[in-house]
Structure formats: C-alpha cells, structure tokens
C-alpha cells in the first residue's frame, strides 16, 4: 500500500494532515494531496477530488468531518482504491460497511502516524 491519497491535505502546517502526510512520505509512501485548492504539498501535486488523480491509489486517508466522509468513501470505492482510512474522530459506520462490501480494507478512528510509532 504505497500510494496514499490524503483527503483534506493542504499547506497548513498546523493541521494534523500536514504532519501525518510528511511522516507517510518519510516512511516511503507516495502521498497525493486532495484538497479544494489542489495545492502542491510536500512536493506532490494536489487534486481537487479523488477522481481527478490520474494514477492508481492504494489508500484513501480521510481528514474530513464525519458528516462529509461518506461521500469521500464512495468516491474511493468508485476509483478502485484498495483501502480507506478514517482518521481519529472520523466515524461513519455506514460508509465503512459500504467500503467493506466493495472489498476495501477499512480502518476507522485511528491515525497511521500513531500506528507507525507503536511499531518503533
């Protein structure tokens, strides 16, 4: 799972997505910022939506409000992502169920940065 689309990733270093994306990049993952302004972040070109990304995505990492994440999960399913990761406090049981039914690996209410630190 090398390519991570990070939904909600912009150039604000105060936001959790900024630091988590950098950690993922430092661990050898390719990150793809997905944000309404389609900003370049950590040297990677950004896109406004998942469907605009021209190459395959392994994991869609969701830094969005729980009330908005269902749409992101549905888009992750439609682009053929292999997994969806809902960050800490991002909860949507129905969206996770849809992703699981579609065959995606799912993680909810967890942070990959914390999980990496547990391994070390």
PDB file of N, CA and C in Angstrom:
ATOM      1  N   UNK A   1       0.848  -1.174   0.000  1.00  0.00           N
ATOM      2  CA  UNK A   1       0.000   0.000   0.000  1.00  0.00           C
ATOM      3  C   UNK A   1       0.897   1.242   0.000  1.00  0.00           C
ATOM      4  N   UNK A   2       1.429   1.557  -1.138  1.00  0.00           N
ATOM      5  CA  UNK A   2       2.425   2.624  -1.224  1.00  0.00           C
ATOM      6  C   UNK A   2       1.848   3.999  -1.546  1.00  0.00           C
ATOM      7  N   UNK A   3       0.751   4.067  -2.296  1.00  0.00           N
ATOM      8  CA  UNK A   3       0.228   5.362  -2.727  1.00  0.00           C
ATOM      9  C   UNK A   3      -0.979   5.746  -1.888  1.00  0.00           C
ATOM     10  N   UNK A   4      -0.855   6.852  -1.161  1.00  0.00           N
ATOM     11  CA  UNK A   4      -1.890   7.332  -0.252  1.00  0.00           C
ATOM     12  C   UNK A   4      -2.429   8.665  -0.737  1.00  0.00           C
ATOM     13  N   UNK A   5      -3.706   8.720  -1.067  1.00  0.00           N
ATOM     14  CA  UNK A   5      -4.382   9.986  -1.330  1.00  0.00           C
ATOM     15  C   UNK A   5      -4.844  10.516   0.023  1.00  0.00           C
ATOM     16  N   UNK A   6      -4.402  11.701   0.378  1.00  0.00           N
ATOM     17  CA  UNK A   6      -4.711  12.277   1.684  1.00  0.00           C
ATOM     18  C   UNK A   6      -5.752  13.381   1.479  1.00  0.00           C
ATOM     19  N   UNK A   7      -7.009  13.043   1.778  1.00  0.00           N
ATOM     20  CA  UNK A   7      -8.114  13.973   1.565  1.00  0.00           C
ATOM     21  C   UNK A   7      -8.166  14.944   2.743  1.00  0.00           C
ATOM     22  N   UNK A   8      -8.085  16.235   2.428  1.00  0.00           N
ATOM     23  CA  UNK A   8      -8.046  17.271   3.449  1.00  0.00           C
ATOM     24  C   UNK A   8      -6.646  17.814   3.666  1.00  0.00           C
ATOM     25  N   UNK A   9      -5.699  17.415   2.802  1.00  0.00           N
ATOM     26  CA  UNK A   9      -4.307  17.838   2.948  1.00  0.00           C
ATOM     27  C   UNK A   9      -4.045  19.118   2.171  1.00  0.00           C
ATOM     28  N   UNK A  10      -3.803  20.187   2.913  1.00  0.00           N
ATOM     29  CA  UNK A  10      -3.397  21.463   2.336  1.00  0.00           C
ATOM     30  C   UNK A  10      -2.064  21.877   2.936  1.00  0.00           C
ATOM     31  N   UNK A  11      -1.679  23.126   2.703  1.00  0.00           N
ATOM     32  CA  UNK A  11      -0.369  23.616   3.135  1.00  0.00           C
ATOM     33  C   UNK A  11      -0.361  24.261   4.509  1.00  0.00           C
ATOM     34  N   UNK A  12      -1.302  23.921   5.359  1.00  0.00           N
ATOM     35  CA  UNK A  12      -1.329  24.487   6.702  1.00  0.00           C
ATOM     36  C   UNK A  12      -0.575  23.546   7.648  1.00  0.00           C
ATOM     37  N   UNK A  13       0.623  23.942   8.097  1.00  0.00           N
ATOM     38  CA  UNK A  13       1.410  23.062   8.964  1.00  0.00           C
ATOM     39  C   UNK A  13       0.779  22.846  10.340  1.00  0.00           C
ATOM     40  N   UNK A  14      -0.232  23.632  10.684  1.00  0.00           N
ATOM     41  CA  UNK A  14      -0.929  23.464  11.962  1.00  0.00           C
ATOM     42  C   UNK A  14      -1.938  22.323  11.923  1.00  0.00           C
ATOM     43  N   UNK A  15      -2.290  21.857  10.743  1.00  0.00           N
ATOM     44  CA  UNK A  15      -3.289  20.795  10.607  1.00  0.00           C
ATOM     45  C   UNK A  15      -2.624  19.420  10.713  1.00  0.00           C
ATOM     46  N   UNK A  16      -3.327  18.493  11.321  1.00  0.00           N
ATOM     47  CA  UNK A  16      -2.784  17.143  11.512  1.00  0.00           C
ATOM     48  C   UNK A  16      -2.422  16.481  10.182  1.00  0.00           C
ATOM     49  N   UNK A  17      -3.217  16.713   9.152  1.00  0.00           N
ATOM     50  CA  UNK A  17      -2.961  16.077   7.857  1.00  0.00           C
ATOM     51  C   UNK A  17      -1.566  16.412   7.339  1.00  0.00           C
ATOM     52  N   UNK A  18      -1.101  17.617   7.573  1.00  0.00           N
ATOM     53  CA  UNK A  18       0.201  18.058   7.089  1.00  0.00           C
ATOM     54  C   UNK A  18       1.319  17.193   7.678  1.00  0.00           C
ATOM     55  N   UNK A  19       1.304  17.026   8.997  1.00  0.00           N
ATOM     56  CA  UNK A  19       2.337  16.231   9.656  1.00  0.00           C
ATOM     57  C   UNK A  19       2.233  14.746   9.363  1.00  0.00           C
ATOM     58  N   UNK A  20       1.018  14.232   9.329  1.00  0.00           N
ATOM     59  CA  UNK A  20       0.836  12.804   9.050  1.00  0.00           C
ATOM     60  C   UNK A  20       1.301  12.480   7.630  1.00  0.00           C
ATOM     61  N   UNK A  21       0.950  13.351   6.685  1.00  0.00           N
ATOM     62  CA  UNK A  21       1.378  13.121   5.300  1.00  0.00           C
ATOM     63  C   UNK A  21       2.900  13.125   5.190  1.00  0.00           C
ATOM     64  N   UNK A  22       3.554  14.021   5.906  1.00  0.00           N
ATOM     65  CA  UNK A  22       5.021  14.061   5.878  1.00  0.00           C
ATOM     66  C   UNK A  22       5.606  12.782   6.458  1.00  0.00           C
ATOM     67  N   UNK A  23       5.034  12.294   7.554  1.00  0.00           N
ATOM     68  CA  UNK A  23       5.511  11.035   8.129  1.00  0.00           C
ATOM     69  C   UNK A  23       5.335   9.891   7.131  1.00  0.00           C
ATOM     70  N   UNK A  24       4.178   9.815   6.493  1.00  0.00           N
ATOM     71  CA  UNK A  24       3.946   8.769   5.491  1.00  0.00           C
ATOM     72  C   UNK A  24       4.988   8.856   4.379  1.00  0.00           C
ATOM     73  N   UNK A  25       5.238  10.073   3.916  1.00  0.00           N
ATOM     74  CA  UNK A  25       6.235  10.279   2.868  1.00  0.00           C
ATOM     75  C   UNK A  25       7.615   9.840   3.346  1.00  0.00           C
ATOM     76  N   UNK A  26       7.966  10.206   4.572  1.00  0.00           N
ATOM     77  CA  UNK A  26       9.264   9.820   5.130  1.00  0.00           C
ATOM     78  C   UNK A  26       9.402   8.307   5.282  1.00  0.00           C
ATOM     79  N   UNK A  27       8.277   7.605   5.424  1.00  0.00           N
ATOM     80  CA  UNK A  27       8.285   6.142   5.550  1.00  0.00           C
ATOM     81  C   UNK A  27       8.265   5.448   4.187  1.00  0.00           C
ATOM     82  N   UNK A  28       8.336   6.228   3.108  1.00  0.00           N
ATOM     83  CA  UNK A  28       8.435   5.637   1.777  1.00  0.00           C
ATOM     84  C   UNK A  28       7.147   5.583   0.984  1.00  0.00           C
ATOM     85  N   UNK A  29       6.078   6.163   1.508  1.00  0.00           N
ATOM     86  CA  UNK A  29       4.819   6.192   0.776  1.00  0.00           C
ATOM     87  C   UNK A  29       4.780   7.395  -0.152  1.00  0.00           C
ATOM     88  N   UNK A  30       4.079   7.256  -1.248  1.00  0.00           N
ATOM     89  CA  UNK A  30       3.791   8.419  -2.083  1.00  0.00           C
ATOM     90  C   UNK A  30       2.493   9.012  -1.565  1.00  0.00           C
ATOM     91  N   UNK A  31       2.492  10.308  -1.329  1.00  0.00           N
ATOM     92  CA  UNK A  31       1.269  10.974  -0.895  1.00  0.00           C
ATOM     93  C   UNK A  31       0.733  11.811  -2.043  1.00  0.00           C
ATOM     94  N   UNK A  32      -0.587  11.877  -2.130  1.00  0.00           N
ATOM     95  CA  UNK A  32      -1.258  12.705  -3.122  1.00  0.00           C
ATOM     96  C   UNK A  32      -2.243  13.589  -2.368  1.00  0.00           C
ATOM     97  N   UNK A  33      -1.973  14.907  -2.312  1.00  0.00           N
ATOM     98  CA  UNK A  33      -2.897  15.805  -1.626  1.00  0.00           C
ATOM     99  C   UNK A  33      -4.227  15.918  -2.385  1.00  0.00           C
ATOM    100  N   UNK A  34      -5.330  15.850  -1.629  1.00  0.00           N
ATOM    101  CA  UNK A  34      -6.655  16.077  -2.203  1.00  0.00           C
ATOM    102  C   UNK A  34      -7.310  17.150  -1.346  1.00  0.00           C
ATOM    103  N   UNK A  35      -7.542  18.305  -1.984  1.00  0.00           N
ATOM    104  CA  UNK A  35      -7.997  19.479  -1.241  1.00  0.00           C
ATOM    105  C   UNK A  35      -8.664  20.419  -2.238  1.00  0.00           C
ATOM    106  N   UNK A  36      -9.675  21.174  -1.817  1.00  0.00           N
ATOM    107  CA  UNK A  36     -10.380  22.042  -2.774  1.00  0.00           C
ATOM    108  C   UNK A  36      -9.486  23.001  -3.564  1.00  0.00           C
ATOM    109  N   UNK A  37      -8.376  23.444  -2.975  1.00  0.00           N
ATOM    110  CA  UNK A  37      -7.469  24.347  -3.695  1.00  0.00           C
ATOM    111  C   UNK A  37      -6.422  23.601  -4.524  1.00  0.00           C
ATOM    112  N   UNK A  38      -6.392  22.287  -4.463  1.00  0.00           N
ATOM    113  CA  UNK A  38      -5.452  21.458  -5.236  1.00  0.00           C
ATOM    114  C   UNK A  38      -4.019  21.955  -5.094  1.00  0.00           C
ATOM    115  N   UNK A  39      -3.597  22.158  -3.852  1.00  0.00           N
ATOM    116  CA  UNK A  39      -2.272  22.689  -3.574  1.00  0.00           C
ATOM    117  C   UNK A  39      -1.190  21.619  -3.694  1.00  0.00           C
ATOM    118  N   UNK A  40       0.007  22.045  -4.072  1.00  0.00           N
ATOM    119  CA  UNK A  40       1.171  21.180  -4.003  1.00  0.00           C
ATOM    120  C   UNK A  40       1.634  21.170  -2.546  1.00  0.00           C
ATOM    121  N   UNK A  41       1.770  19.969  -1.982  1.00  0.00           N
ATOM    122  CA  UNK A  41       2.157  19.822  -0.581  1.00  0.00           C
ATOM    123  C   UNK A  41       3.288  18.794  -0.508  1.00  0.00           C
ATOM    124  N   UNK A  42       4.310  19.115   0.247  1.00  0.00           N
ATOM    125  CA  UNK A  42       5.472  18.228   0.403  1.00  0.00           C
ATOM    126  C   UNK A  42       6.019  17.790  -0.958  1.00  0.00           C
ATOM    127  N   UNK A  43       5.954  18.705  -1.947  1.00  0.00           N
ATOM    128  CA  UNK A  43       6.495  18.425  -3.278  1.00  0.00           C
ATOM    129  C   UNK A  43       5.595  17.608  -4.182  1.00  0.00           C
ATOM    130  N   UNK A  44       4.407  17.252  -3.725  1.00  0.00           N
ATOM    131  CA  UNK A  44       3.479  16.438  -4.522  1.00  0.00           C
ATOM    132  C   UNK A  44       2.311  17.290  -5.012  1.00  0.00           C
ATOM    133  N   UNK A  45       2.006  17.180  -6.289  1.00  0.00           N
ATOM    134  CA  UNK A  45       0.893  17.924  -6.880  1.00  0.00           C
ATOM    135  C   UNK A  45      -0.426  17.488  -6.255  1.00  0.00           C
ATOM    136  N   UNK A  46      -1.294  18.463  -6.025  1.00  0.00           N
ATOM    137  CA  UNK A  46      -2.587  18.185  -5.421  1.00  0.00           C
ATOM    138  C   UNK A  46      -3.708  18.151  -6.442  1.00  0.00           C
ATOM    139  N   UNK A  47      -4.815  17.570  -6.025  1.00  0.00           N
ATOM    140  CA  UNK A  47      -6.016  17.454  -6.853  1.00  0.00           C
ATOM    141  C   UNK A  47      -7.218  17.876  -6.028  1.00  0.00           C
ATOM    142  N   UNK A  48      -8.258  18.353  -6.719  1.00  0.00           N
ATOM    143  CA  UNK A  48      -9.466  18.782  -6.023  1.00  0.00           C
ATOM    144  C   UNK A  48     -10.309  17.602  -5.558  1.00  0.00           C
ATOM    145  N   UNK A  49     -10.286  16.523  -6.321  1.00  0.00           N
ATOM    146  CA  UNK A  49     -11.090  15.341  -5.984  1.00  0.00           C
ATOM    147  C   UNK A  49     -10.282  14.077  -6.249  1.00  0.00           C
ATOM    148  N   UNK A  50     -10.721  12.982  -5.656  1.00  0.00           N
ATOM    149  CA  UNK A  50     -10.070  11.693  -5.907  1.00  0.00           C
ATOM    150  C   UNK A  50     -10.161  11.299  -7.378  1.00  0.00           C
ATOM    151  N   UNK A  51     -11.289  11.586  -8.005  1.00  0.00           N
ATOM    152  CA  UNK A  51     -11.491  11.150  -9.391  1.00  0.00           C
ATOM    153  C   UNK A  51     -10.568  11.872 -10.377  1.00  0.00           C
ATOM    154  N   UNK A  52      -9.960  12.976  -9.967  1.00  0.00           N
ATOM    155  CA  UNK A  52      -9.017  13.687 -10.837  1.00  0.00           C
ATOM    156  C   UNK A  52      -7.620  13.069 -10.825  1.00  0.00           C
ATOM    157  N   UNK A  53      -7.328  12.225  -9.869  1.00  0.00           N
ATOM    158  CA  UNK A  53      -5.990  11.631  -9.754  1.00  0.00           C
ATOM    159  C   UNK A  53      -5.784  10.670 -10.927  1.00  0.00           C
ATOM    160  N   UNK A  54      -4.717  10.881 -11.728  1.00  0.00           N
ATOM    161  CA  UNK A  54      -4.555  10.084 -12.950  1.00  0.00           C
ATOM    162  C   UNK A  54      -3.946   8.697 -12.754  1.00  0.00           C
ATOM    163  N   UNK A  55      -3.485   8.370 -11.566  1.00  0.00           N
ATOM    164  CA  UNK A  55      -2.843   7.070 -11.344  1.00  0.00           C
ATOM    165  C   UNK A  55      -3.560   6.325 -10.217  1.00  0.00           C
ATOM    166  N   UNK A  56      -3.319   5.019 -10.100  1.00  0.00           N
ATOM    167  CA  UNK A  56      -3.995   4.224  -9.065  1.00  0.00           C
ATOM    168  C   UNK A  56      -3.646   4.676  -7.650  1.00  0.00           C
ATOM    169  N   UNK A  57      -4.627   4.567  -6.770  1.00  0.00           N
ATOM    170  CA  UNK A  57      -4.475   4.927  -5.362  1.00  0.00           C
ATOM    171  C   UNK A  57      -4.684   3.666  -4.530  1.00  0.00           C
ATOM    172  N   UNK A  58      -3.770   3.415  -3.608  1.00  0.00           N
ATOM    173  CA  UNK A  58      -3.917   2.263  -2.724  1.00  0.00           C
ATOM    174  C   UNK A  58      -4.816   2.588  -1.535  1.00  0.00           C
ATOM    175  N   UNK A  59      -4.510   3.694  -0.831  1.00  0.00           N
ATOM    176  CA  UNK A  59      -5.224   4.049   0.390  1.00  0.00           C
ATOM    177  C   UNK A  59      -5.760   5.472   0.262  1.00  0.00           C
ATOM    178  N   UNK A  60      -7.007   5.659   0.650  1.00  0.00           N
ATOM    179  CA  UNK A  60      -7.580   6.999   0.762  1.00  0.00           C
ATOM    180  C   UNK A  60      -7.656   7.310   2.254  1.00  0.00           C
ATOM    181  N   UNK A  61      -6.837   8.263   2.677  1.00  0.00           N
ATOM    182  CA  UNK A  61      -6.724   8.673   4.076  1.00  0.00           C
ATOM    183  C   UNK A  61      -7.603   9.906   4.260  1.00  0.00           C
ATOM    184  N   UNK A  62      -8.598   9.816   5.135  1.00  0.00           N
ATOM    185  CA  UNK A  62      -9.652  10.830   5.227  1.00  0.00           C
ATOM    186  C   UNK A  62      -9.501  11.742   6.434  1.00  0.00           C
ATOM    187  N   UNK A  63      -9.077  12.968   6.175  1.00  0.00           N
ATOM    188  CA  UNK A  63      -9.017  14.035   7.174  1.00  0.00           C
ATOM    189  C   UNK A  63     -10.178  14.993   6.922  1.00  0.00           C
ATOM    190  N   UNK A  64     -11.391  14.489   7.006  1.00  0.00           N
ATOM    191  CA  UNK A  64     -12.583  15.306   6.800  1.00  0.00           C
ATOM    192  C   UNK A  64     -13.558  15.036   7.936  1.00  0.00           C
ATOM    193  N   UNK A  65     -14.518  15.916   8.095  1.00  0.00           N
ATOM    194  CA  UNK A  65     -15.538  15.765   9.112  1.00  0.00           C
ATOM    195  C   UNK A  65     -16.345  14.488   8.873  1.00  0.00           C
ATOM    196  N   UNK A  66     -16.759  13.862   9.945  1.00  0.00           N
ATOM    197  CA  UNK A  66     -17.554  12.627   9.842  1.00  0.00           C
ATOM    198  C   UNK A  66     -18.777  12.801   8.952  1.00  0.00           C
ATOM    199  N   UNK A  67     -19.391  13.980   8.995  1.00  0.00           N
ATOM    200  CA  UNK A  67     -20.593  14.202   8.194  1.00  0.00           C
ATOM    201  C   UNK A  67     -20.300  14.267   6.696  1.00  0.00           C
ATOM    202  N   UNK A  68     -19.038  14.416   6.323  1.00  0.00           N
ATOM    203  CA  UNK A  68     -18.656  14.509   4.910  1.00  0.00           C
ATOM    204  C   UNK A  68     -17.942  13.265   4.388  1.00  0.00           C
ATOM    205  N   UNK A  69     -17.552  12.375   5.286  1.00  0.00           N
ATOM    206  CA  UNK A  69     -16.666  11.290   4.877  1.00  0.00           C
ATOM    207  C   UNK A  69     -17.365  10.240   4.012  1.00  0.00           C
ATOM    208  N   UNK A  70     -18.671  10.088   4.145  1.00  0.00           N
ATOM    209  CA  UNK A  70     -19.381   9.095   3.330  1.00  0.00           C
ATOM    210  C   UNK A  70     -19.186   9.318   1.845  1.00  0.00           C
ATOM    211  N   UNK A  71     -19.244  10.569   1.428  1.00  0.00           N
ATOM    212  CA  UNK A  71     -19.037  10.904   0.012  1.00  0.00           C
ATOM    213  C   UNK A  71     -17.616  10.554  -0.418  1.00  0.00           C
ATOM    214  N   UNK A  72     -16.641  10.814   0.455  1.00  0.00           N
ATOM    215  CA  UNK A  72     -15.240  10.504   0.145  1.00  0.00           C
ATOM    216  C   UNK A  72     -15.065   8.989   0.013  1.00  0.00           C
ATOM    217  N   UNK A  73     -15.662   8.230   0.927  1.00  0.00           N
ATOM    218  CA  UNK A  73     -15.561   6.770   0.868  1.00  0.00           C
ATOM    219  C   UNK A  73     -16.195   6.247  -0.420  1.00  0.00           C
ATOM    220  N   UNK A  74     -17.347   6.790  -0.789  1.00  0.00           N
ATOM    221  CA  UNK A  74     -17.988   6.361  -2.036  1.00  0.00           C
ATOM    222  C   UNK A  74     -17.101   6.657  -3.242  1.00  0.00           C
ATOM    223  N   UNK A  75     -16.430   7.803  -3.228  1.00  0.00           N
ATOM    224  CA  UNK A  75     -15.518   8.136  -4.324  1.00  0.00           C
ATOM    225  C   UNK A  75     -14.299   7.209  -4.313  1.00  0.00           C
ATOM    226  N   UNK A  76     -13.822   6.843  -3.118  1.00  0.00           N
ATOM    227  CA  UNK A  76     -12.703   5.896  -3.018  1.00  0.00           C
ATOM    228  C   UNK A  76     -13.083   4.551  -3.641  1.00  0.00           C
ATOM    229  N   UNK A  77     -14.304   4.116  -3.371  1.00  0.00           N
ATOM    230  CA  UNK A  77     -14.795   2.872  -3.975  1.00  0.00           C
ATOM    231  C   UNK A  77     -14.823   3.009  -5.495  1.00  0.00           C
ATOM    232  N   UNK A  78     -15.334   4.142  -5.980  1.00  0.00           N
ATOM    233  CA  UNK A  78     -15.506   4.308  -7.427  1.00  0.00           C
ATOM    234  C   UNK A  78     -14.180   4.405  -8.176  1.00  0.00           C
ATOM    235  N   UNK A  79     -13.109   4.877  -7.527  1.00  0.00           N
ATOM    236  CA  UNK A  79     -11.810   4.949  -8.221  1.00  0.00           C
ATOM    237  C   UNK A  79     -11.009   3.662  -8.082  1.00  0.00           C
ATOM    238  N   UNK A  80     -11.529   2.696  -7.341  1.00  0.00           N
ATOM    239  CA  UNK A  80     -10.839   1.419  -7.209  1.00  0.00           C
ATOM    240  C   UNK A  80      -9.741   1.400  -6.163  1.00  0.00           C
ATOM    241  N   UNK A  81      -9.836   2.262  -5.161  1.00  0.00           N
ATOM    242  CA  UNK A  81      -8.850   2.232  -4.077  1.00  0.00           C
ATOM    243  C   UNK A  81      -8.901   0.871  -3.384  1.00  0.00           C
ATOM    244  N   UNK A  82      -7.812   0.498  -2.760  1.00  0.00           N
ATOM    245  CA  UNK A  82      -7.741  -0.780  -2.054  1.00  0.00           C
ATOM    246  C   UNK A  82      -8.165  -0.661  -0.594  1.00  0.00           C
ATOM    247  N   UNK A  83      -8.069   0.563  -0.044  1.00  0.00           N
ATOM    248  CA  UNK A  83      -8.361   0.763   1.379  1.00  0.00           C
ATOM    249  C   UNK A  83      -8.830   2.190   1.629  1.00  0.00           C
ATOM    250  N   UNK A  84      -9.597   2.349   2.720  1.00  0.00           N
ATOM    251  CA  UNK A  84      -9.938   3.671   3.229  1.00  0.00           C
ATOM    252  C   UNK A  84      -9.519   3.723   4.689  1.00  0.00           C
ATOM    253  N   UNK A  85      -8.973   4.864   5.070  1.00  0.00           N
ATOM    254  CA  UNK A  85      -8.517   5.068   6.437  1.00  0.00           C
ATOM    255  C   UNK A  85      -9.202   6.327   6.953  1.00  0.00           C
ATOM    256  N   UNK A  86     -10.060   6.178   7.941  1.00  0.00           N
ATOM    257  CA  UNK A  86     -10.726   7.308   8.570  1.00  0.00           C
ATOM    258  C   UNK A  86      -9.944   7.686   9.812  1.00  0.00           C
ATOM    259  N   UNK A  87      -9.501   8.924   9.853  1.00  0.00           N
ATOM    260  CA  UNK A  87      -8.634   9.409  10.919  1.00  0.00           C
ATOM    261  C   UNK A  87      -9.341   9.434  12.278  1.00  0.00           C
ATOM    262  N   UNK A  88      -8.586   9.775  13.306  1.00  0.00           N
ATOM    263  CA  UNK A  88      -9.128   9.889  14.657  1.00  0.00           C
ATOM    264  C   UNK A  88     -10.372  10.774  14.660  1.00  0.00           C
ATOM    265  N   UNK A  89     -11.413  10.320  15.321  1.00  0.00           N
ATOM    266  CA  UNK A  89     -12.682  11.031  15.465  1.00  0.00           C
ATOM    267  C   UNK A  89     -13.467  11.158  14.167  1.00  0.00           C
ATOM    268  N   UNK A  90     -13.059  10.489  13.117  1.00  0.00           N
ATOM    269  CA  UNK A  90     -13.852  10.438  11.882  1.00  0.00           C
ATOM    270  C   UNK A  90     -14.576   9.096  11.901  1.00  0.00           C
ATOM    271  N   UNK A  91     -15.890   9.170  12.130  1.00  0.00           N
ATOM    272  CA  UNK A  91     -16.692   7.968  12.341  1.00  0.00           C
ATOM    273  C   UNK A  91     -17.868   7.958  11.361  1.00  0.00           C
ATOM    274  N   UNK A  92     -17.999   6.880  10.613  1.00  0.00           N
ATOM    275  CA  UNK A  92     -19.170   6.664   9.756  1.00  0.00           C
ATOM    276  C   UNK A  92     -19.290   5.169   9.499  1.00  0.00           C
ATOM    277  N   UNK A  93     -20.052   4.506  10.353  1.00  0.00           N
ATOM    278  CA  UNK A  93     -20.213   3.051  10.263  1.00  0.00           C
ATOM    279  C   UNK A  93     -20.809   2.631   8.921  1.00  0.00           C
ATOM    280  N   UNK A  94     -21.775   3.392   8.418  1.00  0.00           N
ATOM    281  CA  UNK A  94     -22.422   3.031   7.149  1.00  0.00           C
ATOM    282  C   UNK A  94     -21.447   3.122   5.984  1.00  0.00           C
ATOM    283  N   UNK A  95     -20.617   4.163   5.971  1.00  0.00           N
ATOM    284  CA  UNK A  95     -19.622   4.296   4.904  1.00  0.00           C
ATOM    285  C   UNK A  95     -18.601   3.164   4.967  1.00  0.00           C
ATOM    286  N   UNK A  96     -18.174   2.826   6.169  1.00  0.00           N
ATOM    287  CA  UNK A  96     -17.232   1.708   6.326  1.00  0.00           C
ATOM    288  C   UNK A  96     -17.870   0.406   5.838  1.00  0.00           C
ATOM    289  N   UNK A  97     -19.129   0.196   6.150  1.00  0.00           N
ATOM    290  CA  UNK A  97     -19.832  -1.009   5.689  1.00  0.00           C
ATOM    291  C   UNK A  97     -19.877  -1.050   4.162  1.00  0.00           C
ATOM    292  N   UNK A  98     -20.146   0.090   3.521  1.00  0.00           N
ATOM    293  CA  UNK A  98     -20.161   0.131   2.050  1.00  0.00           C
ATOM    294  C   UNK A  98     -18.788  -0.217   1.494  1.00  0.00           C
ATOM    295  N   UNK A  99     -17.745   0.320   2.110  1.00  0.00           N
ATOM    296  CA  UNK A  99     -16.385   0.034   1.651  1.00  0.00           C
ATOM    297  C   UNK A  99     -16.046  -1.443   1.818  1.00  0.00           C
ATOM    298  N   UNK A 100     -16.431  -2.022   2.952  1.00  0.00           N
ATOM    299  CA  UNK A 100     -16.156  -3.438   3.176  1.00  0.00           C
ATOM    300  C   UNK A 100     -16.913  -4.312   2.180  1.00  0.00           C
ATOM    301  N   UNK A 101     -18.157  -3.960   1.908  1.00  0.00           N
ATOM    302  CA  UNK A 101     -18.948  -4.702   0.926  1.00  0.00           C
ATOM    303  C   UNK A 101     -18.292  -4.638  -0.452  1.00  0.00           C
ATOM    304  N   UNK A 102     -17.656  -3.507  -0.760  1.00  0.00           N
ATOM    305  CA  UNK A 102     -16.972  -3.338  -2.042  1.00  0.00           C
ATOM    306  C   UNK A 102     -15.590  -3.993  -2.054  1.00  0.00           C
ATOM    307  N   UNK A 103     -15.169  -4.573  -0.919  1.00  0.00           N
ATOM    308  CA  UNK A 103     -13.905  -5.290  -0.867  1.00  0.00           C
ATOM    309  C   UNK A 103     -12.703  -4.484  -0.418  1.00  0.00           C
ATOM    310  N   UNK A 104     -12.926  -3.279   0.091  1.00  0.00           N
ATOM    311  CA  UNK A 104     -11.814  -2.461   0.549  1.00  0.00           C
ATOM    312  C   UNK A 104     -11.430  -2.820   1.983  1.00  0.00           C
ATOM    313  N   UNK A 105     -10.167  -2.685   2.280  1.00  0.00           N
ATOM    314  CA  UNK A 105      -9.690  -2.761   3.653  1.00  0.00           C
ATOM    315  C   UNK A 105     -10.109  -1.461   4.324  1.00  0.00           C
ATOM    316  N   UNK A 106     -10.554  -1.545   5.569  1.00  0.00           N
ATOM    317  CA  UNK A 106     -11.037  -0.343   6.244  1.00  0.00           C
ATOM    318  C   UNK A 106     -10.400  -0.176   7.616  1.00  0.00           C
ATOM    319  N   UNK A 107     -10.125   1.077   7.945  1.00  0.00           N
ATOM    320  CA  UNK A 107      -9.647   1.457   9.266  1.00  0.00           C
ATOM    321  C   UNK A 107     -10.435   2.706   9.654  1.00  0.00           C
ATOM    322  N   UNK A 108     -10.898   2.755  10.901  1.00  0.00           N
ATOM    323  CA  UNK A 108     -11.673   3.904  11.342  1.00  0.00           C
ATOM    324  C   UNK A 108     -11.226   4.349  12.730  1.00  0.00           C
ATOM    325  N   UNK A 109     -11.188   5.669  12.903  1.00  0.00           N
ATOM    326  CA  UNK A 109     -10.877   6.280  14.196  1.00  0.00           C
ATOM    327  C   UNK A 109      -9.465   5.934  14.672  1.00  0.00           C
ATOM    328  N   UNK A 110      -8.532   5.907  13.715  1.00  0.00           N
ATOM    329  CA  UNK A 110      -7.129   5.650  14.041  1.00  0.00           C
ATOM    330  C   UNK A 110      -6.243   6.537  13.174  1.00  0.00           C
ATOM    331  N   UNK A 111      -5.013   6.699  13.585  1.00  0.00           N
ATOM    332  CA  UNK A 111      -4.065   7.540  12.875  1.00  0.00           C
ATOM    333  C   UNK A 111      -2.839   6.724  12.462  1.00  0.00           C
ATOM    334  N   UNK A 112      -2.459   6.769  11.175  1.00  0.00           N
ATOM    335  CA  UNK A 112      -1.287   5.986  10.763  1.00  0.00           C
ATOM    336  C   UNK A 112       0.001   6.431  11.451  1.00  0.00           C
ATOM    337  N   UNK A 113       0.109   7.703  11.795  1.00  0.00           N
ATOM    338  CA  UNK A 113       1.317   8.169  12.490  1.00  0.00           C
ATOM    339  C   UNK A 113       1.439   7.490  13.851  1.00  0.00           C
ATOM    340  N   UNK A 114       0.348   7.396  14.557  1.00  0.00           N
ATOM    341  CA  UNK A 114       0.347   6.721  15.868  1.00  0.00           C
ATOM    342  C   UNK A 114       0.663   5.242  15.691  1.00  0.00           C
ATOM    343  N   UNK A 115       0.083   4.635  14.657  1.00  0.00           N
ATOM    344  CA  UNK A 115       0.326   3.206  14.412  1.00  0.00           C
ATOM    345  C   UNK A 115       1.803   2.964  14.074  1.00  0.00           C
ATOM    346  N   UNK A 116       2.420   3.840  13.271  1.00  0.00           N
ATOM    347  CA  UNK A 116       3.841   3.693  12.976  1.00  0.00           C
ATOM    348  C   UNK A 116       4.676   3.817  14.240  1.00  0.00           C
ATOM    349  N   UNK A 117       4.324   4.759  15.105  1.00  0.00           N
ATOM    350  CA  UNK A 117       5.099   4.952  16.344  1.00  0.00           C
ATOM    351  C   UNK A 117       4.980   3.738  17.268  1.00  0.00           C
ATOM    352  N   UNK A 118       3.851   3.045  17.242  1.00  0.00           N
ATOM    353  CA  UNK A 118       3.689   1.846  18.058  1.00  0.00           C
ATOM    354  C   UNK A 118       4.655   0.751  17.637  1.00  0.00           C
ATOM    355  N   UNK A 119       5.005   0.731  16.345  1.00  0.00           N
ATOM    356  CA  UNK A 119       5.906  -0.301  15.811  1.00  0.00           C
ATOM    357  C   UNK A 119       7.342  -0.066  16.234  1.00  0.00           C
ATOM    358  N   UNK A 120       7.686   1.161  16.564  1.00  0.00           N
ATOM    359  CA  UNK A 120       9.090   1.505  16.869  1.00  0.00           C
ATOM    360  C   UNK A 120       9.368   1.497  18.352  1.00  0.00           C
TER     361      UNK A 120
END
